[in-house]
Amino acid sequence: MKKGRKFLLPFCLVLLLFVTGMFYMRSIVSHADAIPEDSIKNQLEKMYNGEVNDLLLHDDIYGATLTREGSVYEVRVDGATGNVLSMVLKEPSKELVLKQKEAAERAKKEKDKSSLGKTEEVPAQSAPEEHKPQPETPKPAPVQPKPQPKPQEKPQPKPPVNKPAPQKTVLLTEQQAVQIALRQLNGEVDDVDFVKTSEGGYYLVEIEIDVDDGPDEATYQIHAISGKVMSVTWDD
């Protein structure tokens, strides 16, 4: 029993030293990986335009108090990334308390105004009793006016009927017929004859041309009234 107690005491001391060493090494590694305190302090003071106090690192998390415009906040920052995890108001300043009261009073006044603006429902009143209708006296029949004779409508004048224009019956002269034929063929007039018909007649105008080969004479049949070329006949 005495020998067992002798071995137990050194073993406990070794175990205690080992655990203490582990915590110490973990603290050293944690502080080595964390962002330096000065950097975290400068970051918070620039970010919130305040003063940082009591900055401490615990389990890779920085804790500090931030004083800004008279109010005190509790801030927690990630030691590895520098991100702000939380910011809680602990001691508000007098100005902040006054602003919060004014804001609450304004909200209450606006709420009261909105409630006053609502119209209250008025119960519907019962309709007054209607009087019984009195029998109406018969009205005299209206006098029918005498029918007035309708004015006789004047006959509308009929639109004028356009008569067809009289056909031209003036005969062309022999010279006019020759000019029409020469406009068709430039040559020498050999003969002109007039043939009378029921439609006004026509002229036969013979024109010779000087060619070495082929037909050299054309006869133009020209209407004696309209001057239209009715036919053309070629002869050798």
C-alpha atoms as a PDB file:
ATOM      1  CA  MET A   1       0.000   0.000   0.000  1.00  0.00           C
ATOM      2  CA  LYS A   2       2.798   2.406   0.841  1.00  0.00           C
ATOM      3  CA  LYS A   3       4.561   1.573  -2.434  1.00  0.00           C
ATOM      4  CA  GLY A   4       1.351   2.285  -4.411  1.00  0.00           C
ATOM      5  CA  ARG A   5       0.944   5.693  -2.818  1.00  0.00           C
ATOM      6  CA  LYS A   6       4.545   6.520  -3.644  1.00  0.00           C
ATOM      7  CA  PHE A   7       3.935   5.852  -7.358  1.00  0.00           C
ATOM      8  CA  LEU A   8       0.516   7.627  -7.430  1.00  0.00           C
ATOM      9  CA  LEU A   9       1.839  11.026  -6.311  1.00  0.00           C
ATOM     10  CA  PRO A  10       4.437  11.404  -9.105  1.00  0.00           C
ATOM     11  CA  PHE A  11       1.886  10.226 -11.654  1.00  0.00           C
ATOM     12  CA  CYS A  12      -0.568  12.930 -10.603  1.00  0.00           C
ATOM     13  CA  LEU A  13       2.140  15.566 -10.834  1.00  0.00           C
ATOM     14  CA  VAL A  14       3.088  14.455 -14.352  1.00  0.00           C
ATOM     15  CA  LEU A  15      -0.568  14.502 -15.448  1.00  0.00           C
ATOM     16  CA  LEU A  16      -1.054  17.991 -14.035  1.00  0.00           C
ATOM     17  CA  LEU A  17       2.024  19.266 -15.853  1.00  0.00           C
ATOM     18  CA  PHE A  18       0.832  17.697 -19.081  1.00  0.00           C
ATOM     19  CA  VAL A  19      -2.609  19.314 -18.911  1.00  0.00           C
ATOM     20  CA  THR A  20      -1.103  22.683 -18.017  1.00  0.00           C
ATOM     21  CA  GLY A  21       1.300  22.402 -20.924  1.00  0.00           C
ATOM     22  CA  MET A  22      -1.564  21.624 -23.323  1.00  0.00           C
ATOM     23  CA  PHE A  23      -3.522  24.692 -22.261  1.00  0.00           C
ATOM     24  CA  TYR A  24      -0.396  26.801 -22.524  1.00  0.00           C
ATOM     25  CA  MET A  25       0.411  25.541 -26.026  1.00  0.00           C
ATOM     26  CA  ARG A  26      -3.159  26.057 -27.140  1.00  0.00           C
ATOM     27  CA  SER A  27      -3.068  29.623 -25.861  1.00  0.00           C
ATOM     28  CA  ILE A  28       0.190  30.283 -27.711  1.00  0.00           C
ATOM     29  CA  VAL A  29      -1.187  28.825 -30.972  1.00  0.00           C
ATOM     30  CA  SER A  30      -4.458  30.771 -30.556  1.00  0.00           C
ATOM     31  CA  HIS A  31      -2.610  34.037 -30.013  1.00  0.00           C
ATOM     32  CA  ALA A  32      -0.354  33.304 -32.984  1.00  0.00           C
ATOM     33  CA  ASP A  33      -3.322  32.797 -35.364  1.00  0.00           C
ATOM     34  CA  ALA A  34      -5.374  35.774 -34.074  1.00  0.00           C
ATOM     35  CA  ILE A  35      -5.153  39.315 -35.513  1.00  0.00           C
ATOM     36  CA  PRO A  36      -3.031  41.589 -33.287  1.00  0.00           C
ATOM     37  CA  GLU A  37      -4.867  43.630 -30.661  1.00  0.00           C
ATOM     38  CA  ASP A  38      -3.666  46.948 -32.085  1.00  0.00           C
ATOM     39  CA  SER A  39      -5.171  46.135 -35.478  1.00  0.00           C
ATOM     40  CA  ILE A  40      -8.532  45.180 -33.941  1.00  0.00           C
ATOM     41  CA  LYS A  41      -8.554  48.334 -31.802  1.00  0.00           C
ATOM     42  CA  ASN A  42      -7.760  50.641 -34.741  1.00  0.00           C
ATOM     43  CA  GLN A  43     -10.366  48.872 -36.875  1.00  0.00           C
ATOM     44  CA  LEU A  44     -13.167  49.375 -34.316  1.00  0.00           C
ATOM     45  CA  GLU A  45     -12.265  53.002 -33.552  1.00  0.00           C
ATOM     46  CA  LYS A  46     -12.254  53.934 -37.280  1.00  0.00           C
ATOM     47  CA  MET A  47     -15.385  51.951 -38.022  1.00  0.00           C
ATOM     48  CA  TYR A  48     -17.549  53.394 -35.211  1.00  0.00           C
ATOM     49  CA  ASN A  49     -15.707  56.683 -34.542  1.00  0.00           C
ATOM     50  CA  GLY A  50     -15.325  55.837 -30.847  1.00  0.00           C
ATOM     51  CA  GLU A  51     -12.820  54.789 -28.158  1.00  0.00           C
ATOM     52  CA  VAL A  52     -12.013  51.111 -27.464  1.00  0.00           C
ATOM     53  CA  ASN A  53     -11.115  49.928 -23.939  1.00  0.00           C
ATOM     54  CA  ASP A  54     -10.613  46.597 -22.141  1.00  0.00           C
ATOM     55  CA  LEU A  55      -9.724  44.663 -25.309  1.00  0.00           C
ATOM     56  CA  LEU A  56      -9.121  40.977 -24.385  1.00  0.00           C
ATOM     57  CA  LEU A  57      -8.787  37.765 -26.457  1.00  0.00           C
ATOM     58  CA  HIS A  58     -10.548  34.600 -25.256  1.00  0.00           C
ATOM     59  CA  ASP A  59     -11.038  31.460 -27.386  1.00  0.00           C
ATOM     60  CA  ASP A  60     -10.206  33.358 -30.614  1.00  0.00           C
ATOM     61  CA  ILE A  61     -12.850  35.998 -29.758  1.00  0.00           C
ATOM     62  CA  TYR A  62     -11.952  39.567 -28.837  1.00  0.00           C
ATOM     63  CA  GLY A  63     -14.121  41.306 -26.260  1.00  0.00           C
ATOM     64  CA  ALA A  64     -14.011  45.071 -25.690  1.00  0.00           C
ATOM     65  CA  THR A  65     -15.992  48.083 -24.553  1.00  0.00           C
ATOM     66  CA  LEU A  66     -16.617  50.866 -27.061  1.00  0.00           C
ATOM     67  CA  THR A  67     -17.529  54.415 -25.999  1.00  0.00           C
ATOM     68  CA  ARG A  68     -19.261  56.427 -28.720  1.00  0.00           C
ATOM     69  CA  GLU A  69     -21.039  59.797 -28.270  1.00  0.00           C
ATOM     70  CA  GLY A  70     -21.357  59.149 -24.530  1.00  0.00           C
ATOM     71  CA  SER A  71     -22.893  55.676 -24.929  1.00  0.00           C
ATOM     72  CA  VAL A  72     -21.059  52.493 -23.925  1.00  0.00           C
ATOM     73  CA  TYR A  73     -21.319  49.332 -26.074  1.00  0.00           C
ATOM     74  CA  GLU A  74     -20.056  45.790 -25.551  1.00  0.00           C
ATOM     75  CA  VAL A  75     -18.402  44.499 -28.738  1.00  0.00           C
ATOM     76  CA  ARG A  76     -17.347  40.964 -29.757  1.00  0.00           C
ATOM     77  CA  VAL A  77     -14.974  40.498 -32.724  1.00  0.00           C
ATOM     78  CA  ASP A  78     -13.755  37.337 -34.484  1.00  0.00           C
ATOM     79  CA  GLY A  79     -10.001  37.222 -33.819  1.00  0.00           C
ATOM     80  CA  ALA A  80      -9.203  35.301 -37.028  1.00  0.00           C
ATOM     81  CA  THR A  81     -11.227  37.354 -39.548  1.00  0.00           C
ATOM     82  CA  GLY A  82     -11.806  40.689 -37.778  1.00  0.00           C
ATOM     83  CA  ASN A  83     -15.590  40.523 -38.354  1.00  0.00           C
ATOM     84  CA  VAL A  84     -17.794  42.154 -35.700  1.00  0.00           C
ATOM     85  CA  LEU A  85     -19.937  39.397 -34.189  1.00  0.00           C
ATOM     86  CA  SER A  86     -22.106  41.510 -31.877  1.00  0.00           C
ATOM     87  CA  MET A  87     -22.511  45.032 -30.513  1.00  0.00           C
ATOM     88  CA  VAL A  88     -24.795  45.516 -27.487  1.00  0.00           C
ATOM     89  CA  LEU A  89     -25.716  48.862 -25.895  1.00  0.00           C
ATOM     90  CA  LYS A  90     -24.894  48.780 -22.177  1.00  0.00           C
ATOM     91  CA  GLU A  91     -25.055  52.398 -20.998  1.00  0.00           C
ATOM     92  CA  PRO A  92     -26.944  54.866 -23.222  1.00  0.00           C
ATOM     93  CA  SER A  93     -25.992  58.531 -23.062  1.00  0.00           C
ATOM     94  CA  LYS A  94     -28.370  61.219 -21.866  1.00  0.00           C
ATOM     95  CA  GLU A  95     -28.767  62.568 -25.402  1.00  0.00           C
ATOM     96  CA  LEU A  96     -29.622  59.111 -26.716  1.00  0.00           C
ATOM     97  CA  VAL A  97     -32.212  58.584 -23.967  1.00  0.00           C
ATOM     98  CA  LEU A  98     -33.752  61.976 -24.784  1.00  0.00           C
ATOM     99  CA  LYS A  99     -33.935  61.137 -28.503  1.00  0.00           C
ATOM    100  CA  GLN A 100     -35.578  57.802 -27.747  1.00  0.00           C
ATOM    101  CA  LYS A 101     -38.224  59.518 -25.602  1.00  0.00           C
ATOM    102  CA  GLU A 102     -38.918  62.123 -28.290  1.00  0.00           C
ATOM    103  CA  ALA A 103     -39.259  59.404 -30.916  1.00  0.00           C
ATOM    104  CA  ALA A 104     -41.684  57.475 -28.687  1.00  0.00           C
ATOM    105  CA  GLU A 105     -43.777  60.605 -28.071  1.00  0.00           C
ATOM    106  CA  ARG A 106     -43.965  61.398 -31.802  1.00  0.00           C
ATOM    107  CA  ALA A 107     -45.063  57.854 -32.558  1.00  0.00           C
ATOM    108  CA  LYS A 108     -47.769  58.097 -29.894  1.00  0.00           C
ATOM    109  CA  LYS A 109     -49.052  61.419 -31.259  1.00  0.00           C
ATOM    110  CA  GLU A 110     -49.233  60.053 -34.805  1.00  0.00           C
ATOM    111  CA  LYS A 111     -51.124  57.034 -33.538  1.00  0.00           C
ATOM    112  CA  ASP A 112     -53.623  59.281 -31.680  1.00  0.00           C
ATOM    113  CA  LYS A 113     -54.145  61.413 -34.800  1.00  0.00           C
ATOM    114  CA  SER A 114     -54.829  58.369 -36.938  1.00  0.00           C
ATOM    115  CA  SER A 115     -57.360  57.061 -34.392  1.00  0.00           C
ATOM    116  CA  LEU A 116     -59.150  60.453 -34.264  1.00  0.00           C
ATOM    117  CA  GLY A 117     -59.369  60.567 -38.040  1.00  0.00           C
ATOM    118  CA  LYS A 118     -61.523  57.469 -38.145  1.00  0.00           C
ATOM    119  CA  THR A 119     -65.267  58.186 -38.216  1.00  0.00           C
ATOM    120  CA  GLU A 120     -67.415  56.464 -35.691  1.00  0.00           C
ATOM    121  CA  GLU A 121     -70.263  54.366 -36.965  1.00  0.00           C
ATOM    122  CA  VAL A 122     -73.641  55.999 -36.352  1.00  0.00           C
ATOM    123  CA  PRO A 123     -76.540  53.614 -35.768  1.00  0.00           C
ATOM    124  CA  ALA A 124     -79.116  53.781 -38.486  1.00  0.00           C
ATOM    125  CA  GLN A 125     -82.250  55.692 -37.513  1.00  0.00           C
ATOM    126  CA  SER A 126     -85.618  54.142 -38.063  1.00  0.00           C
ATOM    127  CA  ALA A 127     -87.481  55.610 -40.985  1.00  0.00           C
ATOM    128  CA  PRO A 128     -90.540  57.737 -40.085  1.00  0.00           C
ATOM    129  CA  GLU A 129     -93.874  56.166 -40.624  1.00  0.00           C
ATOM    130  CA  GLU A 130     -95.191  56.852 -44.071  1.00  0.00           C
ATOM    131  CA  HIS A 131     -98.552  58.507 -44.463  1.00  0.00           C
ATOM    132  CA  LYS A 132    -101.182  56.510 -46.197  1.00  0.00           C
ATOM    133  CA  PRO A 133    -101.700  57.749 -49.743  1.00  0.00           C
ATOM    134  CA  GLN A 134    -104.867  59.808 -50.270  1.00  0.00           C
ATOM    135  CA  PRO A 135    -107.060  58.923 -53.219  1.00  0.00           C
ATOM    136  CA  GLU A 136    -106.231  61.207 -56.079  1.00  0.00           C
ATOM    137  CA  THR A 137    -108.938  63.219 -57.817  1.00  0.00           C
ATOM    138  CA  PRO A 138    -109.394  62.203 -61.442  1.00  0.00           C
ATOM    139  CA  LYS A 139    -107.636  64.577 -63.813  1.00  0.00           C
ATOM    140  CA  PRO A 140    -109.493  65.873 -66.874  1.00  0.00           C
ATOM    141  CA  ALA A 141    -108.603  64.128 -70.097  1.00  0.00           C
ATOM    142  CA  PRO A 142    -106.142  66.152 -72.149  1.00  0.00           C
ATOM    143  CA  VAL A 143    -107.535  67.908 -75.182  1.00  0.00           C
ATOM    144  CA  GLN A 144    -106.167  66.373 -78.342  1.00  0.00           C
ATOM    145  CA  PRO A 145    -104.903  69.021 -80.775  1.00  0.00           C
ATOM    146  CA  LYS A 146    -106.510  69.128 -84.196  1.00  0.00           C
ATOM    147  CA  PRO A 147    -104.396  67.550 -86.877  1.00  0.00           C
ATOM    148  CA  GLN A 148    -102.810  70.171 -89.064  1.00  0.00           C
ATOM    149  CA  PRO A 149    -102.757  69.577 -92.804  1.00  0.00           C
ATOM    150  CA  LYS A 150     -99.355  68.653 -94.037  1.00  0.00           C
ATOM    151  CA  PRO A 151     -97.845  71.103 -96.450  1.00  0.00           C
ATOM    152  CA  GLN A 152     -97.767  69.778 -99.963  1.00  0.00           C
ATOM    153  CA  GLU A 153     -94.337  68.867-101.025  1.00  0.00           C
ATOM    154  CA  LYS A 154     -93.102  70.596-104.139  1.00  0.00           C
ATOM    155  CA  PRO A 155     -92.020  68.238-106.871  1.00  0.00           C
ATOM    156  CA  GLN A 156     -88.280  67.988-107.063  1.00  0.00           C
ATOM    157  CA  PRO A 157     -86.854  68.883-110.445  1.00  0.00           C
ATOM    158  CA  LYS A 158     -85.481  65.913-112.324  1.00  0.00           C
ATOM    159  CA  PRO A 159     -81.754  65.977-113.005  1.00  0.00           C
ATOM    160  CA  PRO A 160     -80.940  66.812-116.591  1.00  0.00           C
ATOM    161  CA  VAL A 161     -80.202  63.823-118.781  1.00  0.00           C
ATOM    162  CA  ASN A 162     -76.935  64.109-120.635  1.00  0.00           C
ATOM    163  CA  LYS A 163     -77.678  63.609-124.273  1.00  0.00           C
ATOM    164  CA  PRO A 164     -75.036  61.827-126.329  1.00  0.00           C
ATOM    165  CA  ALA A 165     -72.913  64.207-128.274  1.00  0.00           C
ATOM    166  CA  PRO A 166     -73.733  64.223-131.939  1.00  0.00           C
ATOM    167  CA  GLN A 167     -71.337  62.188-133.992  1.00  0.00           C
ATOM    168  CA  LYS A 168     -68.938  64.012-136.198  1.00  0.00           C
ATOM    169  CA  THR A 169     -70.258  63.949-139.773  1.00  0.00           C
ATOM    170  CA  VAL A 170     -67.871  66.391-141.425  1.00  0.00           C
ATOM    171  CA  LEU A 171     -65.855  64.698-144.141  1.00  0.00           C
ATOM    172  CA  LEU A 172     -62.113  65.048-144.246  1.00  0.00           C
ATOM    173  CA  THR A 173     -60.677  66.742-147.251  1.00  0.00           C
ATOM    174  CA  GLU A 174     -58.566  64.844-149.698  1.00  0.00           C
ATOM    175  CA  GLN A 175     -55.469  66.773-148.560  1.00  0.00           C
ATOM    176  CA  GLN A 176     -56.123  65.838-144.882  1.00  0.00           C
ATOM    177  CA  ALA A 177     -56.362  62.171-145.823  1.00  0.00           C
ATOM    178  CA  VAL A 178     -53.067  62.438-147.736  1.00  0.00           C
ATOM    179  CA  GLN A 179     -51.334  64.003-144.701  1.00  0.00           C
ATOM    180  CA  ILE A 180     -52.554  61.143-142.478  1.00  0.00           C
ATOM    181  CA  ALA A 181     -51.190  58.564-144.950  1.00  0.00           C
ATOM    182  CA  LEU A 182     -47.824  60.336-145.264  1.00  0.00           C
ATOM    183  CA  ARG A 183     -47.452  60.303-141.464  1.00  0.00           C
ATOM    184  CA  GLN A 184     -47.628  56.511-141.729  1.00  0.00           C
ATOM    185  CA  LEU A 185     -45.232  56.132-144.696  1.00  0.00           C
ATOM    186  CA  ASN A 186     -42.870  58.724-146.124  1.00  0.00           C
ATOM    187  CA  GLY A 187     -43.074  58.473-149.917  1.00  0.00           C
ATOM    188  CA  GLU A 188     -44.690  59.896-153.066  1.00  0.00           C
ATOM    189  CA  VAL A 189     -48.500  60.012-153.386  1.00  0.00           C
ATOM    190  CA  ASP A 190     -49.526  58.223-156.572  1.00  0.00           C
ATOM    191  CA  ASP A 191     -53.329  58.330-156.400  1.00  0.00           C
ATOM    192  CA  VAL A 192     -56.236  59.298-154.049  1.00  0.00           C
ATOM    193  CA  ASP A 193     -59.781  57.903-154.384  1.00  0.00           C
ATOM    194  CA  PHE A 194     -62.919  58.452-152.261  1.00  0.00           C
ATOM    195  CA  VAL A 195     -65.390  55.630-151.691  1.00  0.00           C
ATOM    196  CA  LYS A 196     -68.826  56.606-150.322  1.00  0.00           C
ATOM    197  CA  THR A 197     -70.504  54.325-147.760  1.00  0.00           C
ATOM    198  CA  SER A 198     -73.402  54.501-145.266  1.00  0.00           C
ATOM    199  CA  GLU A 199     -70.852  55.130-142.467  1.00  0.00           C
ATOM    200  CA  GLY A 200     -69.424  58.235-144.098  1.00  0.00           C
ATOM    201  CA  GLY A 201     -67.023  56.695-146.671  1.00  0.00           C
ATOM    202  CA  TYR A 202     -63.247  56.361-146.793  1.00  0.00           C
ATOM    203  CA  TYR A 203     -60.209  57.458-148.800  1.00  0.00           C
ATOM    204  CA  LEU A 204     -57.755  55.156-150.613  1.00  0.00           C
ATOM    205  CA  VAL A 205     -54.356  56.819-150.681  1.00  0.00           C
ATOM    206  CA  GLU A 206     -51.609  55.132-152.761  1.00  0.00           C
ATOM    207  CA  ILE A 207     -48.003  55.946-151.770  1.00  0.00           C
ATOM    208  CA  GLU A 208     -44.917  54.791-153.685  1.00  0.00           C
ATOM    209  CA  ILE A 209     -41.476  54.352-152.126  1.00  0.00           C
ATOM    210  CA  ASP A 210     -38.108  53.847-153.820  1.00  0.00           C
ATOM    211  CA  VAL A 211     -36.747  50.414-152.862  1.00  0.00           C
ATOM    212  CA  ASP A 212     -34.541  47.948-154.743  1.00  0.00           C
ATOM    213  CA  ASP A 213     -36.196  44.795-153.479  1.00  0.00           C
ATOM    214  CA  GLY A 214     -39.643  44.061-152.059  1.00  0.00           C
ATOM    215  CA  PRO A 215     -43.017  45.862-152.289  1.00  0.00           C
ATOM    216  CA  ASP A 216     -42.764  49.497-153.316  1.00  0.00           C
ATOM    217  CA  GLU A 217     -46.378  50.724-153.113  1.00  0.00           C
ATOM    218  CA  ALA A 218     -48.814  50.855-150.166  1.00  0.00           C
ATOM    219  CA  THR A 219     -52.505  51.687-150.235  1.00  0.00           C
ATOM    220  CA  TYR A 220     -53.890  53.242-146.983  1.00  0.00           C
ATOM    221  CA  GLN A 221     -57.624  53.010-146.307  1.00  0.00           C
ATOM    222  CA  ILE A 222     -58.494  56.074-144.169  1.00  0.00           C
ATOM    223  CA  HIS A 223     -61.963  56.747-142.691  1.00  0.00           C
ATOM    224  CA  ALA A 224     -63.338  59.896-144.212  1.00  0.00           C
ATOM    225  CA  ILE A 225     -64.812  61.221-140.932  1.00  0.00           C
ATOM    226  CA  SER A 226     -62.633  59.977-138.022  1.00  0.00           C
ATOM    227  CA  GLY A 227     -59.335  59.866-139.955  1.00  0.00           C
ATOM    228  CA  LYS A 228     -58.597  56.373-138.593  1.00  0.00           C
ATOM    229  CA  VAL A 229     -56.333  54.108-140.703  1.00  0.00           C
ATOM    230  CA  MET A 230     -58.617  51.194-141.483  1.00  0.00           C
ATOM    231  CA  SER A 231     -56.156  48.992-143.440  1.00  0.00           C
ATOM    232  CA  VAL A 232     -52.828  48.939-145.330  1.00  0.00           C
ATOM    233  CA  THR A 233     -52.220  46.956-148.554  1.00  0.00           C
ATOM    234  CA  TRP A 234     -48.798  46.506-150.137  1.00  0.00           C
ATOM    235  CA  ASP A 235     -48.247  45.945-153.870  1.00  0.00           C
ATOM    236  CA  ASP A 236     -45.111  45.200-155.886  1.00  0.00           C
END
